[in-house]
Amino acid sequence: MQATSLGHAGVLLRSGNTTITCDPWFVPAFFASWFVFPRNDQLTPELMHEVCNPTFLYISHLHGDHCDLEFLSQHMNKDTTILLPGFPTREMERELSRIGFRNFIRTSDGIATEIAPGVSATIFVETSITDGPSGDSALLVSDESAQVLNQNDCRISDLSSWQSARKVDLHWLQYSGAIWYPMVYDIDATEKKKLAQSKVESQFSRAIKYVEAVDARVVVPSAGPPCFLDPDLFDLNMVTGDETSIFPDQVQFITRLTALGRDNAQLNIPGTTFTVSNGEVTTTHPVPIADVNDIFADKANYLRAYQSDWSSWLADRTATWATTPRTDLLKSLQVWWQPLLAMATTVRTGIGANCLLHLGDEAILINFPEGRVEQYTDQPFSFRFDIARDLVEIVVANKAIDWSNSLFLSCRFTAWRDGAYNEYLYNFFKSLSVERMTRTEAEASRNINGVDAPETDITLGDYIVQRRCPHRSADLSVFGEIDGDQLVCNLHGWRFNLETGVCTTSPDKRISVRKRN
């Protein structure tokens, strides 16, 4: 088996005549803030042809640095078969169908699927709202010669579910930051730098635990960091290590692993290929190793040259933002959000205070305690976001249902809060649709109230079924779906025969089900 880095979380896997393109990201993401580092705009035409015409395409989750809809729409072969993670909703399938893909294999969490003779793919999913309301996932691919785990930035919580007696040959994983905290916060500079350093340490610690648990032959640092080429954001890059940044590069992570006695992490750039044969892994770079090392040793000049090459594109892209028509934002947000606030009583309790959106010449208050969106007239608030109005006009016009993905990851805003981090506030901004808010409210109820939803039977289609799935007690009023003669629990993909109640995924499990009169 071979695995070629495409930059960031992008990987091209080859097993015989079977290829899997994973998370191809080429168009700068999050309002042109994030760029791939090292750059991947110079891959060979031959490699790009392979990338765009694979046997299978795997997208780990819907964030823009993994699901590059602009690139996928314009360049990927739409006959490609998509390996779909077993997420609780079909949001990813709808997004990919919308841009022209039509062939899908729906997988179940942790269950191997033979995708070609002798080649299997197992996708593990995490479904907490904090993983992204649609979920996050990791991919394990096995053939006769190798086993490759592409964890990217998925925070697998149950390590036992993906450990096997067989040795993992390549372990691709994230070690760097992928958030806006603490850089955008309006806090003392010294405190902010201290928080950034603490964040880096926690990132390294988490990644090292995964490295130790998997114990692969070769560790491949991936899924970050991005780099920032806009002059307004350039200081977010970590070059000397003294910046207030959560974005260390591969060299810093590899140095940490080496200090712990682990010398199996491999520096890689887009185009680096790992070949596994008979338990041995060989590495081939697209340029001499001295040039690979220079990218990191002379990082400041590398970034400046990269910035120069993309400056015209960046100027053209940012100029389009001001062309979005101005609208009545207060009215738009009231119509959109107030029904969501009405159904999110537990989320609102978890937030417990007002949030101010300061949009240049307008200020809008989200009154979470009372479930209203209103004009700001000097009401008290505990959270504040200062965002350029143009950007908010765009996400409102697009009806963007996940502002962490569509707006906050851009780092093009500042924030303030009175007190500690509030998970429920950001979960609200990630869940701006009825489908997402239903899940977010259910999770908040479990977390805050310490109890699940009432243990009553529920109605799904023409059937009355027990509320709880016997696998991890998922609420079937949220995750249940009728699919032909089966009930599907979309939390982890378990299926039940509607006539007998027997689980087709695990026959020793069953549900109570009966036809409605």
Protein backbone atom coordinates (compact mmCIF):
# COMPACT_ATOMS: atom_id res chain seq x y z
CA MET A 1 0.00 0.00 0.00
CA GLN A 2 1.09 3.56 -0.66
CA ALA A 3 -0.03 6.80 0.95
CA THR A 4 0.81 10.19 -0.56
CA SER A 5 0.36 13.44 1.35
CA LEU A 6 -1.82 16.02 -0.38
CA GLY A 7 -1.27 18.64 2.31
CA HIS A 8 -3.07 19.26 5.60
CA ALA A 9 -5.38 16.23 6.13
CA GLY A 10 -5.30 15.26 2.45
CA VAL A 11 -4.06 11.76 1.62
CA LEU A 12 -4.15 9.63 -1.52
CA LEU A 13 -4.18 5.90 -0.66
CA ARG A 14 -3.27 3.27 -3.25
CA SER A 15 -3.85 -0.48 -2.93
CA GLY A 16 -3.39 -2.22 -6.25
CA ASN A 17 -5.85 -0.61 -8.65
CA THR A 18 -7.92 0.84 -5.84
CA THR A 19 -7.37 4.45 -4.79
CA ILE A 20 -8.97 6.54 -2.04
CA THR A 21 -8.70 10.32 -2.00
CA CYS A 22 -9.09 11.61 1.54
CA ASP A 23 -9.99 15.20 2.48
CA PRO A 24 -8.54 17.01 -0.57
CA TRP A 25 -8.25 20.70 0.35
CA PHE A 26 -6.84 23.18 -2.17
CA VAL A 27 -8.93 26.39 -2.07
CA PRO A 28 -8.09 28.61 0.96
CA ALA A 29 -10.80 28.20 3.60
CA PHE A 30 -12.77 30.23 6.13
CA PHE A 31 -13.05 33.58 4.38
CA ALA A 32 -9.64 33.09 2.73
CA SER A 33 -7.90 32.93 6.11
CA TRP A 34 -6.52 29.38 6.14
CA PHE A 35 -3.98 28.23 3.54
CA VAL A 36 -2.42 24.79 3.28
CA PHE A 37 1.04 24.55 4.85
CA PRO A 38 3.36 23.52 3.31
CA ARG A 39 1.74 24.72 0.08
CA ASN A 40 0.08 22.13 -2.16
CA ASP A 41 -0.51 24.23 -5.27
CA GLN A 42 2.56 22.77 -7.02
CA LEU A 43 1.69 19.07 -7.15
CA THR A 44 2.37 17.35 -10.47
CA PRO A 45 -0.41 17.10 -13.09
CA GLU A 46 -0.09 13.30 -12.91
CA LEU A 47 -0.73 13.26 -9.16
CA MET A 48 -3.62 15.73 -9.45
CA HIS A 49 -5.22 13.50 -12.10
CA GLU A 50 -5.11 10.62 -9.61
CA VAL A 51 -6.50 12.84 -6.85
CA CYS A 52 -9.46 13.93 -8.98
CA ASN A 53 -10.28 10.49 -10.41
CA PRO A 54 -10.05 8.02 -7.53
CA THR A 55 -12.01 4.85 -6.98
CA PHE A 56 -13.35 6.27 -3.73
CA LEU A 57 -13.57 9.65 -2.02
CA TYR A 58 -13.57 9.95 1.77
CA ILE A 59 -14.48 13.21 3.50
CA SER A 60 -13.94 12.96 7.25
CA HIS A 61 -16.31 15.81 8.17
CA LEU A 62 -17.84 19.03 6.85
CA HIS A 63 -15.32 21.65 7.97
CA GLY A 64 -13.92 23.68 5.08
CA ASP A 65 -10.32 22.47 5.49
CA HIS A 66 -11.56 18.89 4.95
CA CYS A 67 -14.63 19.28 2.78
CA ASP A 68 -13.49 21.74 0.10
CA LEU A 69 -16.79 22.12 -1.74
CA GLU A 70 -15.37 24.57 -4.28
CA PHE A 71 -12.61 22.16 -5.33
CA LEU A 72 -14.85 19.10 -5.20
CA SER A 73 -17.48 20.82 -7.33
CA GLN A 74 -15.08 22.05 -10.00
CA HIS A 75 -12.48 19.28 -10.23
CA MET A 76 -13.53 15.92 -8.77
CA ASN A 77 -14.94 13.17 -11.00
CA LYS A 78 -18.60 12.93 -9.96
CA ASP A 79 -18.69 9.22 -10.82
CA THR A 80 -16.45 8.63 -7.82
CA THR A 81 -18.01 6.54 -5.05
CA ILE A 82 -18.20 8.31 -1.69
CA LEU A 83 -17.37 6.41 1.51
CA LEU A 84 -19.85 8.00 3.91
CA PRO A 85 -19.17 7.97 7.66
CA GLY A 86 -22.08 6.66 9.73
CA PHE A 87 -23.09 10.09 11.03
CA PRO A 88 -26.37 10.71 12.88
CA THR A 89 -27.78 12.72 9.97
CA ARG A 90 -27.43 12.62 6.20
CA GLU A 91 -26.18 16.18 6.01
CA MET A 92 -22.90 15.22 4.31
CA GLU A 93 -24.69 13.09 1.74
CA ARG A 94 -27.02 15.99 0.94
CA GLU A 95 -24.11 18.43 0.56
CA LEU A 96 -22.18 16.12 -1.77
CA SER A 97 -25.31 15.22 -3.75
CA ARG A 98 -25.99 18.92 -4.21
CA ILE A 99 -22.71 19.39 -6.11
CA GLY A 100 -23.19 16.36 -8.33
CA PHE A 101 -22.01 13.19 -6.58
CA ARG A 102 -24.45 10.30 -6.86
CA ASN A 103 -22.66 7.11 -5.77
CA PHE A 104 -22.47 6.46 -2.02
CA ILE A 105 -21.51 3.65 0.32
CA ARG A 106 -23.03 4.23 3.76
CA THR A 107 -20.82 2.71 6.41
CA SER A 108 -21.57 1.89 10.06
CA ASP A 109 -19.42 3.06 12.93
CA GLY A 110 -16.48 0.74 13.49
CA ILE A 111 -17.66 -1.95 11.07
CA ALA A 112 -15.28 -2.96 8.26
CA THR A 113 -16.57 -2.71 4.69
CA GLU A 114 -14.85 -4.60 1.86
CA ILE A 115 -14.54 -1.96 -0.85
CA ALA A 116 -12.46 -4.06 -3.27
CA PRO A 117 -11.11 -7.63 -3.25
CA GLY A 118 -8.72 -7.79 -0.29
CA VAL A 119 -9.23 -4.12 0.65
CA SER A 120 -11.38 -3.05 3.60
CA ALA A 121 -12.30 0.33 5.01
CA THR A 122 -13.48 0.95 8.57
CA ILE A 123 -14.78 4.39 9.51
CA PHE A 124 -15.01 5.41 13.16
CA VAL A 125 -17.27 8.32 14.05
CA GLU A 126 -17.55 10.74 16.94
CA THR A 127 -20.94 12.35 17.31
CA SER A 128 -20.76 14.81 20.18
CA ILE A 129 -21.88 18.31 19.18
CA THR A 130 -18.40 19.54 20.15
CA ASP A 131 -17.02 17.34 17.34
CA GLY A 132 -19.14 19.29 14.91
CA PRO A 133 -22.90 18.76 14.83
CA SER A 134 -22.65 16.47 11.81
CA GLY A 135 -19.83 14.53 13.47
CA ASP A 136 -16.17 13.78 12.82
CA SER A 137 -14.53 10.57 11.69
CA ALA A 138 -11.34 8.56 11.18
CA LEU A 139 -10.56 6.00 8.47
CA LEU A 140 -8.73 2.66 8.80
CA VAL A 141 -7.77 1.00 5.50
CA SER A 142 -6.37 -2.53 5.37
CA ASP A 143 -5.08 -4.80 2.63
CA GLU A 144 -2.70 -7.77 2.51
CA SER A 145 0.37 -5.57 2.82
CA ALA A 146 -0.52 -2.81 5.25
CA GLN A 147 -2.89 -1.11 7.63
CA VAL A 148 -3.18 2.69 7.54
CA LEU A 149 -5.06 4.77 10.11
CA ASN A 150 -6.04 8.23 8.90
CA GLN A 151 -7.18 9.82 12.16
CA ASN A 152 -6.84 13.40 10.85
CA ASP A 153 -8.34 15.58 13.62
CA CYS A 154 -10.94 13.12 14.92
CA ARG A 155 -10.87 12.80 18.71
CA ILE A 156 -11.75 9.14 19.06
CA SER A 157 -13.00 8.62 22.61
CA ASP A 158 -13.11 4.81 22.72
CA LEU A 159 -9.62 3.61 21.86
CA SER A 160 -10.58 -0.03 22.31
CA SER A 161 -12.92 0.19 19.30
CA TRP A 162 -10.11 0.73 16.82
CA GLN A 163 -7.28 -1.32 18.28
CA SER A 164 -6.53 -4.72 16.79
CA ALA A 165 -3.89 -7.39 16.97
CA ARG A 166 -2.56 -6.27 13.60
CA LYS A 167 0.10 -3.57 13.60
CA VAL A 168 -0.82 -0.18 12.16
CA ASP A 169 1.85 0.80 9.64
CA LEU A 170 1.03 4.49 9.14
CA HIS A 171 -0.78 6.70 11.63
CA TRP A 172 -1.80 10.10 10.25
CA LEU A 173 -2.96 12.45 13.00
CA GLN A 174 -3.44 16.06 14.00
CA TYR A 175 -1.16 17.63 16.61
CA SER A 176 -1.67 21.37 15.95
CA GLY A 177 -4.47 23.82 16.71
CA ALA A 178 -7.63 24.24 14.67
CA ILE A 179 -9.58 26.88 16.55
CA TRP A 180 -9.72 30.64 17.07
CA TYR A 181 -8.97 30.54 20.79
CA PRO A 182 -7.32 32.40 22.43
CA MET A 183 -6.00 34.62 19.64
CA VAL A 184 -9.22 36.52 18.91
CA TYR A 185 -10.08 37.24 22.56
CA ASP A 186 -9.96 40.71 24.03
CA ILE A 187 -7.72 39.90 27.00
CA ASP A 188 -4.37 41.00 28.36
CA ALA A 189 -1.54 40.19 25.93
CA THR A 190 0.54 38.39 28.54
CA GLU A 191 -2.39 36.27 29.63
CA LYS A 192 -3.32 35.53 26.03
CA LYS A 193 0.20 34.28 25.26
CA LYS A 194 0.13 32.09 28.37
CA LEU A 195 -3.20 30.61 27.27
CA ALA A 196 -1.85 29.94 23.78
CA GLN A 197 1.17 28.11 25.19
CA SER A 198 -1.12 26.05 27.41
CA LYS A 199 -3.27 25.19 24.40
CA VAL A 200 -0.22 23.99 22.47
CA GLU A 201 0.78 21.77 25.37
CA SER A 202 -2.68 20.23 25.61
CA GLN A 203 -2.68 19.61 21.85
CA PHE A 204 0.67 17.85 22.03
CA SER A 205 -0.42 15.81 25.06
CA ARG A 206 -3.59 14.60 23.34
CA ALA A 207 -1.72 13.67 20.16
CA ILE A 208 0.98 11.84 22.13
CA LYS A 209 -1.68 9.74 23.88
CA TYR A 210 -2.98 8.65 20.49
CA VAL A 211 0.56 7.93 19.29
CA GLU A 212 1.15 5.73 22.33
CA ALA A 213 -2.20 3.96 22.03
CA VAL A 214 -1.86 3.12 18.33
CA ASP A 215 1.90 2.44 18.47
CA ALA A 216 2.23 2.49 14.69
CA ARG A 217 5.40 1.80 12.76
CA VAL A 218 5.40 5.35 11.41
CA VAL A 219 3.61 8.47 12.68
CA VAL A 220 2.71 11.03 10.02
CA PRO A 221 1.93 14.50 11.48
CA SER A 222 -0.96 15.92 9.49
CA ALA A 223 -4.19 17.96 9.51
CA GLY A 224 -2.36 21.16 10.32
CA PRO A 225 -1.21 23.66 10.97
CA PRO A 226 -2.78 26.00 8.46
CA CYS A 227 -0.87 29.14 7.58
CA PHE A 228 -2.20 32.68 7.30
CA LEU A 229 -1.18 34.81 4.32
CA ASP A 230 -3.51 37.77 4.74
CA PRO A 231 -1.37 40.61 6.20
CA ASP A 232 -4.05 41.18 8.84
CA LEU A 233 -3.64 37.61 10.09
CA PHE A 234 0.02 36.88 9.34
CA ASP A 235 1.00 37.15 13.02
CA LEU A 236 -1.03 34.01 13.74
CA ASN A 237 1.71 31.93 12.09
CA MET A 238 4.15 30.28 14.47
CA VAL A 239 7.61 30.96 13.05
CA THR A 240 10.02 31.52 15.93
CA GLY A 241 7.81 29.88 18.56
CA ASP A 242 7.48 33.13 20.49
CA GLU A 243 4.23 34.18 18.82
CA THR A 244 0.81 34.12 20.47
CA SER A 245 -0.27 31.21 18.33
CA ILE A 246 -1.61 27.67 18.71
CA PHE A 247 -0.20 26.52 15.36
CA PRO A 248 3.15 24.70 15.86
CA ASP A 249 4.50 22.87 12.83
CA GLN A 250 5.68 19.31 12.28
CA VAL A 251 9.25 19.95 13.38
CA GLN A 252 8.14 21.07 16.83
CA PHE A 253 5.91 18.02 17.28
CA ILE A 254 8.54 15.60 16.00
CA THR A 255 11.07 17.18 18.37
CA ARG A 256 8.68 16.55 21.26
CA LEU A 257 8.17 12.92 20.27
CA THR A 258 11.93 12.37 19.90
CA ALA A 259 12.47 13.73 23.41
CA LEU A 260 10.08 11.03 24.63
CA GLY A 261 12.09 8.32 22.92
CA ARG A 262 9.84 7.98 19.87
CA ASP A 263 11.83 8.46 16.70
CA ASN A 264 9.29 7.07 14.22
CA ALA A 265 7.56 10.34 13.20
CA GLN A 266 8.22 11.35 9.60
CA LEU A 267 8.46 14.88 8.24
CA ASN A 268 6.28 15.20 5.15
CA ILE A 269 5.15 17.76 2.60
CA PRO A 270 2.53 17.58 -0.15
CA GLY A 271 3.76 14.93 -2.57
CA THR A 272 5.64 12.86 0.04
CA THR A 273 4.86 9.16 -0.51
CA PHE A 274 5.04 6.38 2.06
CA THR A 275 5.31 2.83 0.70
CA VAL A 276 4.60 -0.13 2.98
CA SER A 277 5.96 -3.55 2.04
CA ASN A 278 6.65 -6.57 4.24
CA GLY A 279 6.40 -4.51 7.41
CA GLU A 280 8.87 -1.89 6.17
CA VAL A 281 8.00 1.71 5.40
CA THR A 282 10.01 3.76 2.91
CA THR A 283 9.59 7.49 2.38
CA THR A 284 10.02 9.38 -0.89
CA HIS A 285 9.82 13.18 -1.03
CA PRO A 286 8.97 15.14 -4.21
CA VAL A 287 12.07 17.33 -3.72
CA PRO A 288 15.52 16.72 -2.14
CA ILE A 289 15.39 16.34 1.65
CA ALA A 290 17.49 19.49 2.04
CA ASP A 291 14.71 21.46 0.36
CA VAL A 292 12.11 19.85 2.63
CA ASN A 293 14.12 20.87 5.70
CA ASP A 294 14.54 24.42 4.37
CA ILE A 295 10.75 24.94 4.38
CA PHE A 296 10.77 24.69 8.16
CA ALA A 297 14.24 26.10 8.85
CA ASP A 298 13.55 29.24 6.79
CA LYS A 299 9.84 29.38 7.41
CA ALA A 300 9.47 33.18 7.43
CA ASN A 301 10.88 33.58 3.91
CA TYR A 302 8.92 30.56 2.70
CA LEU A 303 5.67 32.12 3.94
CA ARG A 304 6.51 35.50 2.42
CA ALA A 305 7.12 33.94 -1.00
CA TYR A 306 3.89 31.95 -0.68
CA GLN A 307 2.09 35.13 0.31
CA SER A 308 3.44 37.00 -2.71
CA ASP A 309 2.27 34.28 -5.10
CA TRP A 310 -1.28 34.39 -3.73
CA SER A 311 -1.60 38.12 -3.05
CA SER A 312 -3.63 38.90 -6.19
CA TRP A 313 -6.03 36.02 -5.56
CA LEU A 314 -6.43 37.10 -1.95
CA ALA A 315 -7.11 40.73 -2.91
CA ASP A 316 -9.69 39.69 -5.50
CA ARG A 317 -11.43 37.32 -3.09
CA THR A 318 -11.64 39.76 -0.18
CA ALA A 319 -12.89 42.55 -2.49
CA THR A 320 -16.01 40.52 -3.27
CA TRP A 321 -17.21 40.61 0.35
CA ALA A 322 -18.22 44.26 0.21
CA THR A 323 -20.48 43.57 -2.80
CA THR A 324 -22.99 41.61 -0.70
CA PRO A 325 -26.17 43.72 -0.38
CA ARG A 326 -26.98 45.20 3.01
CA THR A 327 -30.14 43.79 4.54
CA ASP A 328 -32.23 44.13 7.68
CA LEU A 329 -30.05 41.81 9.77
CA LEU A 330 -32.14 42.14 12.89
CA LYS A 331 -35.28 41.00 11.09
CA SER A 332 -33.44 38.19 9.29
CA LEU A 333 -31.98 36.82 12.52
CA GLN A 334 -35.29 37.12 14.33
CA VAL A 335 -37.09 35.09 11.66
CA TRP A 336 -34.28 32.52 11.52
CA TRP A 337 -33.18 32.17 15.14
CA GLN A 338 -36.20 32.80 17.35
CA PRO A 339 -37.87 29.48 16.41
CA LEU A 340 -34.56 27.74 17.19
CA LEU A 341 -34.32 29.53 20.53
CA ALA A 342 -37.86 28.38 21.33
CA MET A 343 -36.88 24.73 20.90
CA ALA A 344 -33.53 25.12 22.71
CA THR A 345 -34.68 25.75 26.26
CA THR A 346 -31.92 23.64 27.83
CA VAL A 347 -29.21 25.13 25.61
CA ARG A 348 -30.41 28.59 26.65
CA THR A 349 -30.22 27.55 30.29
CA GLY A 350 -26.66 26.38 29.75
CA ILE A 351 -25.73 29.76 28.23
CA GLY A 352 -27.58 31.68 30.90
CA ALA A 353 -26.83 35.23 29.70
CA ASN A 354 -27.12 37.65 26.81
CA CYS A 355 -24.74 37.74 23.84
CA LEU A 356 -23.98 40.93 21.91
CA LEU A 357 -23.21 40.88 18.19
CA HIS A 358 -21.42 44.14 17.44
CA LEU A 359 -21.50 44.51 13.65
CA GLY A 360 -19.88 47.86 13.02
CA ASP A 361 -22.78 50.26 12.71
CA GLU A 362 -25.34 47.92 14.25
CA ALA A 363 -25.58 45.99 17.52
CA ILE A 364 -27.90 43.00 17.96
CA LEU A 365 -28.54 41.21 21.24
CA ILE A 366 -29.30 37.52 21.58
CA ASN A 367 -31.40 37.36 24.71
CA PHE A 368 -30.87 33.72 25.60
CA PRO A 369 -32.73 33.74 28.94
CA GLU A 370 -35.92 34.98 27.24
CA GLY A 371 -35.36 33.38 23.83
CA ARG A 372 -35.37 36.56 21.74
CA VAL A 373 -33.22 38.37 19.18
CA GLU A 374 -33.53 42.11 19.74
CA GLN A 375 -31.97 45.49 19.07
CA TYR A 376 -29.22 46.30 21.56
CA THR A 377 -30.22 49.23 23.76
CA ASP A 378 -27.66 48.97 26.54
CA GLN A 379 -28.91 45.68 28.00
CA PRO A 380 -26.34 43.71 30.07
CA PHE A 381 -24.42 40.92 28.32
CA SER A 382 -21.79 38.34 29.21
CA PHE A 383 -20.55 37.51 25.70
CA ARG A 384 -19.60 39.82 22.83
CA PHE A 385 -18.51 39.27 19.25
CA ASP A 386 -17.15 42.14 17.15
CA ILE A 387 -17.50 41.13 13.49
CA ALA A 388 -17.39 43.07 10.24
CA ARG A 389 -20.93 43.49 8.97
CA ASP A 390 -19.97 42.34 5.45
CA LEU A 391 -19.02 38.90 6.76
CA VAL A 392 -22.24 38.50 8.71
CA GLU A 393 -24.28 39.60 5.68
CA ILE A 394 -22.63 36.78 3.72
CA VAL A 395 -23.27 34.00 6.25
CA VAL A 396 -26.85 35.19 6.72
CA ALA A 397 -27.42 35.32 2.95
CA ASN A 398 -26.02 31.78 2.70
CA LYS A 399 -28.14 30.63 5.67
CA ALA A 400 -24.94 29.12 7.07
CA ILE A 401 -26.05 26.71 9.78
CA ASP A 402 -22.62 26.31 11.41
CA TRP A 403 -21.01 29.65 12.23
CA SER A 404 -17.93 27.97 13.71
CA ASN A 405 -17.20 26.61 10.22
CA SER A 406 -18.50 29.48 8.12
CA LEU A 407 -17.27 32.39 10.24
CA PHE A 408 -15.42 31.86 13.52
CA LEU A 409 -12.58 29.69 12.17
CA SER A 410 -11.63 32.61 9.94
CA CYS A 411 -10.28 34.41 13.04
CA ARG A 412 -11.64 37.58 11.39
CA PHE A 413 -13.37 38.82 14.54
CA THR A 414 -12.70 39.63 18.16
CA ALA A 415 -14.49 38.19 21.17
CA TRP A 416 -14.98 38.95 24.83
CA ARG A 417 -16.60 37.00 27.63
CA ASP A 418 -17.29 37.54 31.29
CA GLY A 419 -16.09 34.31 32.83
CA ALA A 420 -15.17 30.86 31.60
CA TYR A 421 -15.66 29.25 28.21
CA ASN A 422 -19.30 28.38 27.59
CA GLU A 423 -19.69 25.26 25.47
CA TYR A 424 -23.44 25.78 25.01
CA LEU A 425 -22.96 29.19 23.41
CA TYR A 426 -20.76 27.79 20.66
CA ASN A 427 -22.97 24.73 20.30
CA PHE A 428 -25.83 27.12 19.57
CA PHE A 429 -23.83 28.79 16.79
CA LYS A 430 -22.97 25.34 15.36
CA SER A 431 -26.61 24.27 15.23
CA LEU A 432 -28.57 26.87 13.28
CA SER A 433 -31.12 24.50 11.74
CA VAL A 434 -34.00 22.51 13.17
CA GLU A 435 -32.19 19.24 12.44
CA ARG A 436 -29.03 20.32 14.23
CA MET A 437 -30.75 22.10 17.11
CA THR A 438 -32.82 18.99 17.83
CA ARG A 439 -29.63 17.05 18.46
CA THR A 440 -27.96 19.89 20.35
CA GLU A 441 -30.92 20.32 22.68
CA ALA A 442 -31.10 16.57 23.34
CA GLU A 443 -27.39 16.46 24.20
CA ALA A 444 -27.69 19.54 26.41
CA SER A 445 -30.61 17.94 28.26
CA ARG A 446 -28.55 14.86 29.01
CA ASN A 447 -25.56 16.94 30.12
CA ILE A 448 -27.41 19.52 32.22
CA ASN A 449 -30.33 17.56 33.61
CA GLY A 450 -28.39 14.34 34.07
CA VAL A 451 -31.28 12.35 32.63
CA ASP A 452 -32.33 11.20 29.22
CA ALA A 453 -35.60 11.98 27.55
CA PRO A 454 -38.71 10.28 29.00
CA GLU A 455 -38.76 6.53 28.48
CA THR A 456 -42.00 6.48 26.50
CA ASP A 457 -42.68 4.78 23.21
CA ILE A 458 -42.46 7.00 20.16
CA THR A 459 -44.02 6.97 16.71
CA LEU A 460 -41.84 6.70 13.61
CA GLY A 461 -43.75 6.51 10.36
CA ASP A 462 -46.26 3.67 10.62
CA TYR A 463 -44.60 2.12 13.67
CA ILE A 464 -44.57 2.55 17.44
CA VAL A 465 -41.13 1.77 18.85
CA GLN A 466 -39.27 2.02 22.13
CA ARG A 467 -37.58 5.37 22.57
CA ARG A 468 -34.09 4.05 23.35
CA CYS A 469 -31.75 2.18 21.03
CA PRO A 470 -30.22 -0.78 22.92
CA HIS A 471 -26.82 0.36 21.66
CA ARG A 472 -25.59 3.28 23.82
CA SER A 473 -29.19 4.35 24.58
CA ALA A 474 -29.47 6.73 21.63
CA ASP A 475 -32.78 8.62 21.55
CA LEU A 476 -34.63 7.22 18.53
CA SER A 477 -36.90 10.27 18.46
CA VAL A 478 -33.74 12.12 17.40
CA PHE A 479 -31.70 9.45 15.62
CA GLY A 480 -34.32 6.97 14.42
CA GLU A 481 -35.26 6.71 10.74
CA ILE A 482 -37.41 4.28 8.76
CA ASP A 483 -35.56 2.83 5.77
CA GLY A 484 -37.73 0.34 3.90
CA ASP A 485 -38.43 -2.63 6.19
CA GLN A 486 -35.81 -1.53 8.71
CA LEU A 487 -35.43 1.05 11.44
CA VAL A 488 -32.02 2.72 11.38
CA CYS A 489 -30.46 4.33 14.44
CA ASN A 490 -28.32 6.97 12.78
CA LEU A 491 -26.15 7.61 15.82
CA HIS A 492 -24.01 4.57 15.00
CA GLY A 493 -25.83 2.99 12.06
CA TRP A 494 -27.48 0.05 13.82
CA ARG A 495 -30.42 -1.50 11.94
CA PHE A 496 -33.49 -3.33 13.23
CA ASN A 497 -36.06 -5.46 11.40
CA LEU A 498 -39.41 -3.70 11.75
CA GLU A 499 -41.38 -6.95 11.82
CA THR A 500 -39.36 -8.81 14.46
CA GLY A 501 -37.41 -6.02 16.23
CA VAL A 502 -34.21 -8.07 15.82
CA CYS A 503 -31.03 -6.07 15.20
CA THR A 504 -29.43 -6.97 11.87
CA THR A 505 -26.19 -5.35 12.98
CA SER A 506 -25.93 -7.27 16.26
CA PRO A 507 -28.49 -10.14 16.36
CA ASP A 508 -28.39 -10.48 20.16
CA LYS A 509 -30.03 -7.05 20.45
CA ARG A 510 -33.65 -6.18 19.69
CA ILE A 511 -36.18 -3.40 20.11
CA SER A 512 -39.86 -3.33 20.93
CA VAL A 513 -41.77 -2.40 17.78
CA ARG A 514 -45.35 -2.73 16.54
CA LYS A 515 -47.41 -1.49 13.62
CA ARG A 516 -49.77 1.40 14.31
CA ASN A 517 -53.48 0.57 14.26
